Protein backbone atom coordinates (compact mmCIF):
# COMPACT_ATOMS: atom_id res chain seq x y z
CA MET A 1 -12.12 -19.62 8.07
CA THR A 2 -10.65 -16.67 9.32
CA VAL A 3 -9.85 -13.50 6.87
CA THR A 4 -7.47 -10.64 6.86
CA LEU A 5 -8.38 -7.60 5.87
CA ILE A 6 -5.81 -5.43 4.44
CA ASN A 7 -6.52 -1.63 3.71
CA SER A 8 -4.55 0.59 2.51
CA PHE A 9 -5.16 4.75 2.37
CA THR A 10 -3.79 7.75 0.73
CA VAL A 11 -4.44 10.41 2.50
CA PRO A 12 -3.47 14.13 2.28
CA PRO A 13 -1.62 15.35 4.76
CA GLU A 14 -4.49 18.41 5.57
CA SER A 15 -6.82 15.62 5.91
CA GLU A 16 -5.63 13.35 8.07
CA GLU A 17 -7.51 14.17 11.48
CA GLU A 18 -10.83 13.73 9.70
CA PHE A 19 -9.58 10.65 8.27
CA LEU A 20 -9.03 9.42 11.99
CA ARG A 21 -11.53 10.43 13.05
CA THR A 22 -13.88 8.36 10.28
CA TRP A 23 -12.02 5.94 10.55
CA ARG A 24 -12.81 5.44 14.31
CA SER A 25 -16.14 6.48 13.79
CA THR A 26 -16.11 2.74 11.38
CA ILE A 27 -14.53 1.05 13.70
CA ASP A 28 -17.18 1.70 16.31
CA HIS A 29 -19.50 0.33 13.61
CA PHE A 30 -17.51 -2.78 13.07
CA ALA A 31 -17.09 -3.34 16.65
CA THR A 32 -20.53 -4.46 16.97
CA ALA A 33 -20.76 -6.56 14.14
CA PRO A 34 -21.15 -10.42 14.28
CA GLY A 35 -17.91 -12.18 13.03
CA PHE A 36 -15.37 -8.79 13.77
CA ILE A 37 -12.22 -9.76 15.74
CA GLN A 38 -9.96 -7.21 15.77
CA THR A 39 -8.22 -3.97 13.67
CA ARG A 40 -4.93 -2.65 13.94
CA LEU A 41 -4.27 0.80 12.14
CA HIS A 42 -0.70 1.30 11.32
CA ARG A 43 0.95 5.01 9.98
CA ASN A 44 3.55 5.04 7.46
CA THR A 45 7.04 6.36 9.43
CA GLY A 46 7.87 7.64 6.37
CA LEU A 47 11.06 5.25 5.28
CA ASN A 48 10.99 3.98 1.81
CA ASP A 49 7.72 3.90 0.32
CA THR A 50 5.33 6.60 1.31
CA THR A 51 2.28 6.08 -1.28
CA PHE A 52 0.07 4.58 1.55
CA ARG A 53 0.09 6.92 4.83
CA PHE A 54 -2.16 3.81 6.67
CA VAL A 55 -2.80 0.78 6.79
CA ASN A 56 -5.57 -0.79 8.41
CA VAL A 57 -5.32 -4.54 9.04
CA ALA A 58 -8.32 -6.15 10.54
CA LEU A 59 -9.28 -10.13 11.48
CA TRP A 60 -12.86 -11.12 10.67
CA GLU A 61 -14.37 -14.64 11.29
CA ASP A 62 -15.09 -15.12 7.53
CA VAL A 63 -15.80 -13.62 4.15
CA GLU A 64 -19.54 -13.69 5.00
CA SER A 65 -19.44 -11.51 7.99
CA TYR A 66 -17.30 -8.62 6.32
CA ARG A 67 -19.20 -8.39 3.51
CA ALA A 68 -22.50 -8.63 5.71
CA VAL A 69 -21.39 -5.23 7.79
CA PHE A 70 -21.65 -2.87 4.55
CA ARG A 71 -25.06 -3.91 3.84
CA ASP A 72 -26.78 -0.73 5.36
CA PHE A 73 -23.38 0.92 5.96
CA THR A 74 -21.09 3.25 4.29
CA PRO A 75 -17.90 3.95 5.50
CA PRO A 76 -17.89 7.90 6.64
CA GLY A 77 -14.27 7.85 5.32
CA GLN A 78 -15.55 7.46 1.69
CA ARG A 79 -16.34 11.26 2.18
CA VAL A 80 -13.17 12.34 3.44
CA ALA A 81 -11.58 14.81 0.53
CA GLY A 82 -8.40 13.18 -1.11
CA VAL A 83 -9.04 9.66 1.10
CA LYS A 84 -8.74 6.45 -1.62
CA ALA A 85 -8.82 3.29 0.20
CA TYR A 86 -7.50 -0.42 -1.60
CA PRO A 87 -9.06 -3.12 0.42
CA GLY A 88 -8.55 -6.26 -0.05
CA LEU A 89 -9.55 -9.38 1.61
CA PHE A 90 -6.62 -12.33 2.68
CA GLU A 91 -6.44 -16.08 3.81
CA VAL A 92 -3.06 -17.36 5.84
CA CYS A 93 -1.48 -19.57 2.89
CA GLU A 94 1.66 -19.54 4.66
CA GLU A 95 2.70 -19.50 8.27
CA VAL A 96 6.30 -19.07 10.29
CA ASP A 97 7.39 -19.70 13.66
CA PRO A 98 10.04 -18.99 14.54
CA ALA A 99 9.97 -21.10 18.00
CA GLU A 100 8.86 -24.15 16.43
C-alpha cells in the first residue's frame, strides 16, 4: 500500500538557499532507493499561516521502503542551521474525484 510522506519545514530566510541545496541532494539519494515513487517540494506563498516555509510531499510504495532509505543515510538538511523538519507518513482514507 502506497504511503504519502508529508514533511513540513521551518526554514529561516537566511538558510533558504542552503536548505534547497540539501533538499535536492537528499532527493538525489531517495531517487535511487527502492520504493521511492515521486516527490514535490512546495514553497509557502505567504498567504495566511507562514509557520512552515516549505512542505515536501512524496509517495513511497510502502512504509518499509521509506524506513529502509534511512538505515545508512542522514539527510544533509538536518545540519542546516535553524531548519526543523516535521515529517509524517499518511495513507489515503478518503478520496473525492469530482469527475465521477
